[in-house]
PDB file of all heavy atoms in Angstrom:
ATOM      1  N   ASP A   1     -21.800 -70.946 -57.552  1.00  0.00           N
ATOM      2  CA  ASP A   1     -20.446 -70.597 -57.112  1.00  0.00           C
ATOM      3  C   ASP A   1     -19.372 -71.487 -57.720  1.00  0.00           C
ATOM      4  O   ASP A   1     -18.192 -71.347 -57.396  1.00  0.00           O
ATOM      5  CB  ASP A   1     -20.368 -70.680 -55.589  1.00  0.00           C
ATOM      6  CG  ASP A   1     -21.259 -69.630 -54.927  1.00  0.00           C
ATOM      7  OD1 ASP A   1     -21.191 -68.459 -55.354  1.00  0.00           O
ATOM      8  OD2 ASP A   1     -22.020 -69.984 -54.010  1.00  0.00           O
ATOM      9  N   CYS A   2     -19.763 -72.415 -58.564  1.00  0.00           N
ATOM     10  CA  CYS A   2     -18.792 -73.277 -59.242  1.00  0.00           C
ATOM     11  C   CYS A   2     -18.044 -72.457 -60.294  1.00  0.00           C
ATOM     12  O   CYS A   2     -18.664 -71.729 -61.071  1.00  0.00           O
ATOM     13  CB  CYS A   2     -19.516 -74.445 -59.898  1.00  0.00           C
ATOM     14  SG  CYS A   2     -18.462 -75.496 -60.913  1.00  0.00           S
ATOM     15  N   PRO A   3     -16.702 -72.533 -60.334  1.00  0.00           N
ATOM     16  CA  PRO A   3     -15.939 -71.806 -61.373  1.00  0.00           C
ATOM     17  C   PRO A   3     -16.427 -72.164 -62.766  1.00  0.00           C
ATOM     18  O   PRO A   3     -16.829 -73.300 -63.027  1.00  0.00           O
ATOM     19  CB  PRO A   3     -14.502 -72.284 -61.143  1.00  0.00           C
ATOM     20  CG  PRO A   3     -14.462 -72.700 -59.712  1.00  0.00           C
ATOM     21  CD  PRO A   3     -15.821 -73.276 -59.420  1.00  0.00           C
ATOM     22  N   ARG A   4     -16.384 -71.176 -63.648  1.00  0.00           N
ATOM     23  CA  ARG A   4     -16.979 -71.365 -64.968  1.00  0.00           C
ATOM     24  C   ARG A   4     -16.256 -72.409 -65.807  1.00  0.00           C
ATOM     25  O   ARG A   4     -16.879 -73.333 -66.329  1.00  0.00           O
ATOM     26  CB  ARG A   4     -17.006 -70.028 -65.709  1.00  0.00           C
ATOM     27  CG  ARG A   4     -17.920 -69.012 -65.023  1.00  0.00           C
ATOM     28  CD  ARG A   4     -17.901 -67.681 -65.721  1.00  0.00           C
ATOM     29  NE  ARG A   4     -18.860 -66.763 -65.098  1.00  0.00           N
ATOM     30  CZ  ARG A   4     -19.050 -65.494 -65.470  1.00  0.00           C
ATOM     31  NH1 ARG A   4     -18.332 -65.001 -66.461  1.00  0.00           N
ATOM     32  NH2 ARG A   4     -19.937 -64.755 -64.860  1.00  0.00           N
ATOM     33  N   PHE A   5     -14.980 -72.257 -66.008  1.00  0.00           N
ATOM     34  CA  PHE A   5     -14.236 -73.221 -66.811  1.00  0.00           C
ATOM     35  C   PHE A   5     -12.788 -73.246 -66.360  1.00  0.00           C
ATOM     36  O   PHE A   5     -12.331 -72.394 -65.588  1.00  0.00           O
ATOM     37  CB  PHE A   5     -14.325 -72.906 -68.316  1.00  0.00           C
ATOM     38  CG  PHE A   5     -13.984 -71.487 -68.682  1.00  0.00           C
ATOM     39  CD1 PHE A   5     -12.655 -71.094 -68.833  1.00  0.00           C
ATOM     40  CD2 PHE A   5     -14.979 -70.547 -68.881  1.00  0.00           C
ATOM     41  CE1 PHE A   5     -12.341 -69.798 -69.169  1.00  0.00           C
ATOM     42  CE2 PHE A   5     -14.671 -69.239 -69.217  1.00  0.00           C
ATOM     43  CZ  PHE A   5     -13.346 -68.857 -69.359  1.00  0.00           C
ATOM     44  N   GLY A   6     -12.071 -74.249 -66.848  1.00  0.00           N
ATOM     45  CA  GLY A   6     -10.678 -74.412 -66.469  1.00  0.00           C
ATOM     46  C   GLY A   6      -9.740 -74.057 -67.601  1.00  0.00           C
ATOM     47  O   GLY A   6     -10.145 -73.518 -68.631  1.00  0.00           O
ATOM     48  N   HIS A   7      -8.462 -74.379 -67.402  1.00  0.00           N
ATOM     49  CA  HIS A   7      -7.451 -74.123 -68.428  1.00  0.00           C
ATOM     50  C   HIS A   7      -7.557 -75.183 -69.532  1.00  0.00           C
ATOM     51  O   HIS A   7      -8.047 -76.289 -69.322  1.00  0.00           O
ATOM     52  CB  HIS A   7      -6.051 -74.154 -67.820  1.00  0.00           C
ATOM     53  CG  HIS A   7      -5.835 -73.122 -66.762  1.00  0.00           C
ATOM     54  ND1 HIS A   7      -5.849 -71.764 -67.025  1.00  0.00           N
ATOM     55  CD2 HIS A   7      -5.597 -73.247 -65.430  1.00  0.00           C
ATOM     56  CE1 HIS A   7      -5.634 -71.094 -65.910  1.00  0.00           C
ATOM     57  NE2 HIS A   7      -5.482 -71.972 -64.916  1.00  0.00           N
ATOM     58  N   GLU A   8      -7.068 -74.843 -70.685  1.00  0.00           N
ATOM     59  CA  GLU A   8      -7.113 -75.760 -71.819  1.00  0.00           C
ATOM     60  C   GLU A   8      -6.214 -76.965 -71.557  1.00  0.00           C
ATOM     61  O   GLU A   8      -5.104 -76.841 -71.029  1.00  0.00           O
ATOM     62  CB  GLU A   8      -6.679 -75.040 -73.096  1.00  0.00           C
ATOM     63  CG  GLU A   8      -7.107 -75.744 -74.362  1.00  0.00           C
ATOM     64  CD  GLU A   8      -6.951 -74.858 -75.591  1.00  0.00           C
ATOM     65  OE1 GLU A   8      -5.817 -74.396 -75.835  1.00  0.00           O
ATOM     66  OE2 GLU A   8      -7.937 -74.628 -76.300  1.00  0.00           O
ATOM     67  N   ILE A   9      -6.699 -78.150 -71.934  1.00  0.00           N
ATOM     68  CA  ILE A   9      -5.982 -79.412 -71.727  1.00  0.00           C
ATOM     69  C   ILE A   9      -5.584 -79.981 -73.079  1.00  0.00           C
ATOM     70  O   ILE A   9      -6.405 -80.058 -73.991  1.00  0.00           O
ATOM     71  CB  ILE A   9      -6.864 -80.423 -70.969  1.00  0.00           C
ATOM     72  CG1 ILE A   9      -7.248 -79.871 -69.590  1.00  0.00           C
ATOM     73  CG2 ILE A   9      -6.159 -81.762 -70.827  1.00  0.00           C
ATOM     74  CD1 ILE A   9      -8.273 -80.703 -68.871  1.00  0.00           C
ATOM     75  N   ALA A  10      -4.319 -80.398 -73.193  1.00  0.00           N
ATOM     76  CA  ALA A  10      -3.805 -81.011 -74.422  1.00  0.00           C
ATOM     77  C   ALA A  10      -4.003 -80.091 -75.627  1.00  0.00           C
ATOM     78  O   ALA A  10      -4.165 -80.563 -76.757  1.00  0.00           O
ATOM     79  CB  ALA A  10      -4.465 -82.365 -74.669  1.00  0.00           C
ATOM     80  N   SER A  11      -4.018 -78.790 -75.371  1.00  0.00           N
ATOM     81  CA  SER A  11      -4.135 -77.775 -76.424  1.00  0.00           C
ATOM     82  C   SER A  11      -5.436 -77.865 -77.208  1.00  0.00           C
ATOM     83  O   SER A  11      -5.519 -77.329 -78.319  1.00  0.00           O
ATOM     84  CB  SER A  11      -2.954 -77.871 -77.407  1.00  0.00           C
ATOM     85  OG  SER A  11      -1.730 -77.716 -76.735  1.00  0.00           O
ATOM     86  N   ILE A  12      -6.456 -78.518 -76.623  1.00  0.00           N
ATOM     87  CA  ILE A  12      -7.702 -78.657 -77.381  1.00  0.00           C
ATOM     88  C   ILE A  12      -8.944 -78.645 -76.510  1.00  0.00           C
ATOM     89  O   ILE A  12      -9.981 -78.109 -76.898  1.00  0.00           O
ATOM     90  CB  ILE A  12      -7.676 -79.943 -78.244  1.00  0.00           C
ATOM     91  CG1 ILE A  12      -8.877 -79.955 -79.203  1.00  0.00           C
ATOM     92  CG2 ILE A  12      -7.640 -81.197 -77.382  1.00  0.00           C
ATOM     93  CD1 ILE A  12      -8.815 -81.056 -80.229  1.00  0.00           C
ATOM     94  N   ILE A  13      -8.904 -79.205 -75.285  1.00  0.00           N
ATOM     95  CA  ILE A  13     -10.111 -79.387 -74.478  1.00  0.00           C
ATOM     96  C   ILE A  13     -10.229 -78.316 -73.407  1.00  0.00           C
ATOM     97  O   ILE A  13      -9.279 -78.060 -72.648  1.00  0.00           O
ATOM     98  CB  ILE A  13     -10.116 -80.778 -73.818  1.00  0.00           C
ATOM     99  CG1 ILE A  13     -10.233 -81.869 -74.879  1.00  0.00           C
ATOM    100  CG2 ILE A  13     -11.258 -80.899 -72.814  1.00  0.00           C
ATOM    101  CD1 ILE A  13     -10.192 -83.273 -74.324  1.00  0.00           C
ATOM    102  N   ILE A  14     -11.413 -77.695 -73.333  1.00  0.00           N
ATOM    103  CA  ILE A  14     -11.722 -76.733 -72.275  1.00  0.00           C
ATOM    104  C   ILE A  14     -12.788 -77.358 -71.375  1.00  0.00           C
ATOM    105  O   ILE A  14     -13.932 -77.536 -71.797  1.00  0.00           O
ATOM    106  CB  ILE A  14     -12.260 -75.402 -72.852  1.00  0.00           C
ATOM    107  CG1 ILE A  14     -11.217 -74.771 -73.790  1.00  0.00           C
ATOM    108  CG2 ILE A  14     -12.617 -74.438 -71.727  1.00  0.00           C
ATOM    109  CD1 ILE A  14     -11.733 -73.553 -74.535  1.00  0.00           C
ATOM    110  N   PRO A  15     -12.452 -77.725 -70.134  1.00  0.00           N
ATOM    111  CA  PRO A  15     -13.455 -78.279 -69.207  1.00  0.00           C
ATOM    112  C   PRO A  15     -14.299 -77.152 -68.626  1.00  0.00           C
ATOM    113  O   PRO A  15     -13.776 -76.105 -68.234  1.00  0.00           O
ATOM    114  CB  PRO A  15     -12.604 -78.958 -68.140  1.00  0.00           C
ATOM    115  CG  PRO A  15     -11.322 -78.176 -68.126  1.00  0.00           C
ATOM    116  CD  PRO A  15     -11.105 -77.695 -69.536  1.00  0.00           C
ATOM    117  N   SER A  16     -15.594 -77.368 -68.550  1.00  0.00           N
ATOM    118  CA  SER A  16     -16.476 -76.271 -68.158  1.00  0.00           C
ATOM    119  C   SER A  16     -17.708 -76.795 -67.426  1.00  0.00           C
ATOM    120  O   SER A  16     -18.094 -77.950 -67.578  1.00  0.00           O
ATOM    121  CB  SER A  16     -16.914 -75.511 -69.421  1.00  0.00           C
ATOM    122  OG  SER A  16     -17.931 -74.569 -69.164  1.00  0.00           O
ATOM    123  N   LYS A  17     -18.307 -75.925 -66.633  1.00  0.00           N
ATOM    124  CA  LYS A  17     -19.659 -76.225 -66.145  1.00  0.00           C
ATOM    125  C   LYS A  17     -20.636 -75.888 -67.256  1.00  0.00           C
ATOM    126  O   LYS A  17     -20.265 -75.260 -68.268  1.00  0.00           O
ATOM    127  CB  LYS A  17     -19.972 -75.438 -64.886  1.00  0.00           C
ATOM    128  CG  LYS A  17     -20.134 -73.926 -65.054  1.00  0.00           C
ATOM    129  CD  LYS A  17     -20.480 -73.272 -63.711  1.00  0.00           C
ATOM    130  CE  LYS A  17     -20.658 -71.759 -63.843  1.00  0.00           C
ATOM    131  NZ  LYS A  17     -20.958 -71.129 -62.542  1.00  0.00           N
ATOM    132  N   VAL A  18     -21.880 -76.291 -67.125  1.00  0.00           N
ATOM    133  CA  VAL A  18     -22.841 -76.088 -68.193  1.00  0.00           C
ATOM    134  C   VAL A  18     -23.207 -74.607 -68.297  1.00  0.00           C
ATOM    135  O   VAL A  18     -23.602 -73.975 -67.309  1.00  0.00           O
ATOM    136  CB  VAL A  18     -24.120 -76.928 -67.966  1.00  0.00           C
ATOM    137  CG1 VAL A  18     -24.757 -76.636 -66.619  1.00  0.00           C
ATOM    138  CG2 VAL A  18     -25.115 -76.711 -69.103  1.00  0.00           C
ATOM    139  N   PRO A  19     -23.058 -73.998 -69.472  1.00  0.00           N
ATOM    140  CA  PRO A  19     -23.568 -72.642 -69.664  1.00  0.00           C
ATOM    141  C   PRO A  19     -25.097 -72.682 -69.668  1.00  0.00           C
ATOM    142  O   PRO A  19     -25.699 -73.616 -70.216  1.00  0.00           O
ATOM    143  CB  PRO A  19     -23.018 -72.236 -71.031  1.00  0.00           C
ATOM    144  CG  PRO A  19     -21.875 -73.179 -71.283  1.00  0.00           C
ATOM    145  CD  PRO A  19     -22.285 -74.469 -70.632  1.00  0.00           C
ATOM    146  N   LEU A  20     -25.714 -71.689 -69.066  1.00  0.00           N
ATOM    147  CA  LEU A  20     -27.177 -71.620 -69.020  1.00  0.00           C
ATOM    148  C   LEU A  20     -27.680 -70.594 -70.019  1.00  0.00           C
ATOM    149  O   LEU A  20     -27.050 -69.553 -70.229  1.00  0.00           O
ATOM    150  CB  LEU A  20     -27.649 -71.257 -67.614  1.00  0.00           C
ATOM    151  CG  LEU A  20     -27.244 -72.216 -66.488  1.00  0.00           C
ATOM    152  CD1 LEU A  20     -27.783 -71.715 -65.159  1.00  0.00           C
ATOM    153  CD2 LEU A  20     -27.737 -73.622 -66.769  1.00  0.00           C
ATOM    154  N   SER A  21     -28.813 -70.891 -70.636  1.00  0.00           N
ATOM    155  CA  SER A  21     -29.375 -69.957 -71.607  1.00  0.00           C
ATOM    156  C   SER A  21     -29.788 -68.665 -70.903  1.00  0.00           C
ATOM    157  O   SER A  21     -29.916 -68.598 -69.674  1.00  0.00           O
ATOM    158  CB  SER A  21     -30.574 -70.577 -72.315  1.00  0.00           C
ATOM    159  OG  SER A  21     -31.674 -70.687 -71.416  1.00  0.00           O
ATOM    160  N   GLU A  22     -30.023 -67.632 -71.684  1.00  0.00           N
ATOM    161  CA  GLU A  22     -30.373 -66.326 -71.121  1.00  0.00           C
ATOM    162  C   GLU A  22     -31.720 -66.342 -70.418  1.00  0.00           C
ATOM    163  O   GLU A  22     -32.034 -65.419 -69.665  1.00  0.00           O
ATOM    164  CB  GLU A  22     -30.349 -65.266 -72.229  1.00  0.00           C
ATOM    165  CG  GLU A  22     -28.951 -65.006 -72.766  1.00  0.00           C
ATOM    166  CD  GLU A  22     -28.917 -63.876 -73.773  1.00  0.00           C
ATOM    167  OE1 GLU A  22     -30.014 -63.441 -74.211  1.00  0.00           O
ATOM    168  OE2 GLU A  22     -27.817 -63.418 -74.116  1.00  0.00           O
ATOM    169  N   SER A  23     -32.513 -67.403 -70.640  1.00  0.00           N
ATOM    170  CA  SER A  23     -33.807 -67.485 -69.952  1.00  0.00           C
ATOM    171  C   SER A  23     -33.617 -67.653 -68.442  1.00  0.00           C
ATOM    172  O   SER A  23     -34.560 -67.439 -67.677  1.00  0.00           O
ATOM    173  CB  SER A  23     -34.625 -68.656 -70.509  1.00  0.00           C
ATOM    174  OG  SER A  23     -33.961 -69.885 -70.272  1.00  0.00           O
ATOM    175  N   TYR A  24     -32.418 -68.020 -68.002  1.00  0.00           N
ATOM    176  CA  TYR A  24     -32.130 -68.162 -66.578  1.00  0.00           C
ATOM    177  C   TYR A  24     -31.655 -66.855 -65.948  1.00  0.00           C
ATOM    178  O   TYR A  24     -31.496 -66.792 -64.733  1.00  0.00           O
ATOM    179  CB  TYR A  24     -31.051 -69.225 -66.356  1.00  0.00           C
ATOM    180  CG  TYR A  24     -31.496 -70.641 -66.570  1.00  0.00           C
ATOM    181  CD1 TYR A  24     -31.558 -71.201 -67.846  1.00  0.00           C
ATOM    182  CD2 TYR A  24     -31.843 -71.460 -65.497  1.00  0.00           C
ATOM    183  CE1 TYR A  24     -31.966 -72.504 -68.053  1.00  0.00           C
ATOM    184  CE2 TYR A  24     -32.239 -72.779 -65.690  1.00  0.00           C
ATOM    185  CZ  TYR A  24     -32.307 -73.292 -66.973  1.00  0.00           C
ATOM    186  OH  TYR A  24     -32.701 -74.582 -67.168  1.00  0.00           O
ATOM    187  N   ASN A  25     -31.392 -65.836 -66.750  1.00  0.00           N
ATOM    188  CA  ASN A  25     -30.764 -64.627 -66.233  1.00  0.00           C
ATOM    189  C   ASN A  25     -31.573 -63.931 -65.146  1.00  0.00           C
ATOM    190  O   ASN A  25     -31.020 -63.304 -64.242  1.00  0.00           O
ATOM    191  CB  ASN A  25     -30.480 -63.642 -67.369  1.00  0.00           C
ATOM    192  CG  ASN A  25     -29.273 -64.076 -68.190  1.00  0.00           C
ATOM    193  OD1 ASN A  25     -28.601 -65.046 -67.844  1.00  0.00           O
ATOM    194  ND2 ASN A  25     -29.005 -63.364 -69.281  1.00  0.00           N
ATOM    195  N   ASP A  26     -32.904 -64.029 -65.224  1.00  0.00           N
ATOM    196  CA  ASP A  26     -33.739 -63.376 -64.215  1.00  0.00           C
ATOM    197  C   ASP A  26     -33.552 -63.990 -62.836  1.00  0.00           C
ATOM    198  O   ASP A  26     -33.931 -63.383 -61.829  1.00  0.00           O
ATOM    199  CB  ASP A  26     -35.217 -63.461 -64.610  1.00  0.00           C
ATOM    200  CG  ASP A  26     -35.525 -62.582 -65.810  1.00  0.00           C
ATOM    201  OD1 ASP A  26     -34.707 -61.685 -66.104  1.00  0.00           O
ATOM    202  OD2 ASP A  26     -36.562 -62.814 -66.456  1.00  0.00           O
ATOM    203  N   TYR A  27     -32.988 -65.184 -62.784  1.00  0.00           N
ATOM    204  CA  TYR A  27     -32.814 -65.874 -61.510  1.00  0.00           C
ATOM    205  C   TYR A  27     -31.358 -65.864 -61.058  1.00  0.00           C
ATOM    206  O   TYR A  27     -31.004 -66.549 -60.102  1.00  0.00           O
ATOM    207  CB  TYR A  27     -33.313 -67.316 -61.631  1.00  0.00           C
ATOM    208  CG  TYR A  27     -34.675 -67.400 -62.265  1.00  0.00           C
ATOM    209  CD1 TYR A  27     -34.832 -67.737 -63.607  1.00  0.00           C
ATOM    210  CD2 TYR A  27     -35.815 -67.097 -61.519  1.00  0.00           C
ATOM    211  CE1 TYR A  27     -36.080 -67.788 -64.187  1.00  0.00           C
ATOM    212  CE2 TYR A  27     -37.073 -67.151 -62.101  1.00  0.00           C
ATOM    213  CZ  TYR A  27     -37.199 -67.487 -63.431  1.00  0.00           C
ATOM    214  OH  TYR A  27     -38.444 -67.530 -64.012  1.00  0.00           O
ATOM    215  N   LEU A  28     -30.525 -65.100 -61.736  1.00  0.00           N
ATOM    216  CA  LEU A  28     -29.100 -65.062 -61.425  1.00  0.00           C
ATOM    217  C   LEU A  28     -28.621 -63.623 -61.255  1.00  0.00           C
ATOM    218  O   LEU A  28     -29.045 -62.740 -62.010  1.00  0.00           O
ATOM    219  CB  LEU A  28     -28.289 -65.710 -62.558  1.00  0.00           C
ATOM    220  CG  LEU A  28     -28.509 -67.202 -62.822  1.00  0.00           C
ATOM    221  CD1 LEU A  28     -27.875 -67.590 -64.156  1.00  0.00           C
ATOM    222  CD2 LEU A  28     -27.907 -68.023 -61.699  1.00  0.00           C
ATOM    223  N   PRO A  29     -27.706 -63.392 -60.308  1.00  0.00           N
ATOM    224  CA  PRO A  29     -27.091 -62.054 -60.230  1.00  0.00           C
ATOM    225  C   PRO A  29     -26.221 -61.843 -61.455  1.00  0.00           C
ATOM    226  O   PRO A  29     -25.671 -62.812 -62.013  1.00  0.00           O
ATOM    227  CB  PRO A  29     -26.259 -62.128 -58.952  1.00  0.00           C
ATOM    228  CG  PRO A  29     -25.992 -63.571 -58.747  1.00  0.00           C
ATOM    229  CD  PRO A  29     -27.187 -64.297 -59.274  1.00  0.00           C
ATOM    230  N   PRO A  30     -26.070 -60.636 -61.913  1.00  0.00           N
ATOM    231  CA  PRO A  30     -25.313 -60.384 -63.154  1.00  0.00           C
ATOM    232  C   PRO A  30     -23.919 -60.975 -63.154  1.00  0.00           C
ATOM    233  O   PRO A  30     -23.449 -61.461 -64.180  1.00  0.00           O
ATOM    234  CB  PRO A  30     -25.281 -58.853 -63.220  1.00  0.00           C
ATOM    235  CG  PRO A  30     -26.506 -58.429 -62.494  1.00  0.00           C
ATOM    236  CD  PRO A  30     -26.679 -59.413 -61.369  1.00  0.00           C
ATOM    237  N   ASP A  31     -23.246 -60.950 -61.996  1.00  0.00           N
ATOM    238  CA  ASP A  31     -21.860 -61.436 -61.981  1.00  0.00           C
ATOM    239  C   ASP A  31     -21.773 -62.960 -61.950  1.00  0.00           C
ATOM    240  O   ASP A  31     -20.669 -63.516 -62.026  1.00  0.00           O
ATOM    241  CB  ASP A  31     -21.107 -60.862 -60.786  1.00  0.00           C
ATOM    242  CG  ASP A  31     -21.709 -61.294 -59.461  1.00  0.00           C
ATOM    243  OD1 ASP A  31     -22.935 -61.511 -59.410  1.00  0.00           O
ATOM    244  OD2 ASP A  31     -20.954 -61.432 -58.480  1.00  0.00           O
ATOM    245  N   LYS A  32     -22.903 -63.644 -61.838  1.00  0.00           N
ATOM    246  CA  LYS A  32     -22.904 -65.113 -61.808  1.00  0.00           C
ATOM    247  C   LYS A  32     -23.413 -65.730 -63.107  1.00  0.00           C
ATOM    248  O   LYS A  32     -23.412 -66.944 -63.256  1.00  0.00           O
ATOM    249  CB  LYS A  32     -23.779 -65.617 -60.656  1.00  0.00           C
ATOM    250  CG  LYS A  32     -23.281 -65.210 -59.269  1.00  0.00           C
ATOM    251  CD  LYS A  32     -21.967 -65.892 -58.928  1.00  0.00           C
ATOM    252  CE  LYS A  32     -21.530 -65.574 -57.506  1.00  0.00           C
ATOM    253  NZ  LYS A  32     -20.243 -66.227 -57.167  1.00  0.00           N
ATOM    254  N   ARG A  33     -23.836 -64.896 -64.021  1.00  0.00           N
ATOM    255  CA  ARG A  33     -24.374 -65.432 -65.260  1.00  0.00           C
ATOM    256  C   ARG A  33     -23.251 -66.021 -66.129  1.00  0.00           C
ATOM    257  O   ARG A  33     -22.130 -65.513 -66.156  1.00  0.00           O
ATOM    258  CB  ARG A  33     -25.121 -64.345 -66.033  1.00  0.00           C
ATOM    259  CG  ARG A  33     -26.356 -63.850 -65.300  1.00  0.00           C
ATOM    260  CD  ARG A  33     -26.933 -62.602 -65.938  1.00  0.00           C
ATOM    261  NE  ARG A  33     -28.049 -62.090 -65.140  1.00  0.00           N
ATOM    262  CZ  ARG A  33     -28.601 -60.903 -65.313  1.00  0.00           C
ATOM    263  NH1 ARG A  33     -28.130 -60.089 -66.269  1.00  0.00           N
ATOM    264  NH2 ARG A  33     -29.611 -60.514 -64.548  1.00  0.00           N
ATOM    265  N   TYR A  34     -23.587 -67.109 -66.828  1.00  0.00           N
ATOM    266  CA  TYR A  34     -22.603 -67.783 -67.674  1.00  0.00           C
ATOM    267  C   TYR A  34     -23.348 -68.404 -68.841  1.00  0.00           C
ATOM    268  O   TYR A  34     -24.047 -69.409 -68.702  1.00  0.00           O
ATOM    269  CB  TYR A  34     -21.865 -68.853 -66.873  1.00  0.00           C
ATOM    270  CG  TYR A  34     -20.850 -69.661 -67.642  1.00  0.00           C
ATOM    271  CD1 TYR A  34     -19.905 -69.044 -68.466  1.00  0.00           C
ATOM    272  CD2 TYR A  34     -20.825 -71.046 -67.535  1.00  0.00           C
ATOM    273  CE1 TYR A  34     -18.967 -69.792 -69.156  1.00  0.00           C
ATOM    274  CE2 TYR A  34     -19.890 -71.812 -68.224  1.00  0.00           C
ATOM    275  CZ  TYR A  34     -18.961 -71.179 -69.042  1.00  0.00           C
ATOM    276  OH  TYR A  34     -18.031 -71.927 -69.720  1.00  0.00           O
ATOM    277  N   THR A  35     -23.226 -67.783 -70.011  1.00  0.00           N
ATOM    278  CA  THR A  35     -23.937 -68.221 -71.203  1.00  0.00           C
ATOM    279  C   THR A  35     -22.952 -68.421 -72.358  1.00  0.00           C
ATOM    280  O   THR A  35     -21.813 -67.963 -72.316  1.00  0.00           O
ATOM    281  CB  THR A  35     -24.983 -67.176 -71.629  1.00  0.00           C
ATOM    282  OG1 THR A  35     -24.288 -65.974 -72.029  1.00  0.00           O
ATOM    283  CG2 THR A  35     -25.939 -66.844 -70.486  1.00  0.00           C
ATOM    284  N   PHE A  36     -23.419 -69.101 -73.375  1.00  0.00           N
ATOM    285  CA  PHE A  36     -22.591 -69.247 -74.572  1.00  0.00           C
ATOM    286  C   PHE A  36     -22.363 -67.896 -75.238  1.00  0.00           C
ATOM    287  O   PHE A  36     -21.299 -67.664 -75.823  1.00  0.00           O
ATOM    288  CB  PHE A  36     -23.245 -70.216 -75.557  1.00  0.00           C
ATOM    289  CG  PHE A  36     -22.974 -71.655 -75.249  1.00  0.00           C
ATOM    290  CD1 PHE A  36     -23.991 -72.504 -74.841  1.00  0.00           C
ATOM    291  CD2 PHE A  36     -21.686 -72.169 -75.352  1.00  0.00           C
ATOM    292  CE1 PHE A  36     -23.724 -73.834 -74.552  1.00  0.00           C
ATOM    293  CE2 PHE A  36     -21.431 -73.502 -75.062  1.00  0.00           C
ATOM    294  CZ  PHE A  36     -22.447 -74.334 -74.653  1.00  0.00           C
ATOM    295  N   LYS A  37     -23.326 -67.017 -75.129  1.00  0.00           N
ATOM    296  CA  LYS A  37     -23.161 -65.689 -75.708  1.00  0.00           C
ATOM    297  C   LYS A  37     -21.976 -64.978 -75.075  1.00  0.00           C
ATOM    298  O   LYS A  37     -21.177 -64.323 -75.764  1.00  0.00           O
ATOM    299  CB  LYS A  37     -24.441 -64.872 -75.525  1.00  0.00           C
ATOM    300  CG  LYS A  37     -24.384 -63.496 -76.190  1.00  0.00           C
ATOM    301  CD  LYS A  37     -25.714 -62.777 -76.056  1.00  0.00           C
ATOM    302  CE  LYS A  37     -25.658 -61.414 -76.761  1.00  0.00           C
ATOM    303  NZ  LYS A  37     -26.950 -60.689 -76.646  1.00  0.00           N
TER     304      LYS A  37
END
């Protein structure tokens, strides 16, 4: 339930929670998935 990422800081930095690889998708509801893809 942690928000995925925040607004850009200093026009360069995006603060984010860790994206999880797709191997975690089976354990996550579709609307909660967060990957680099």
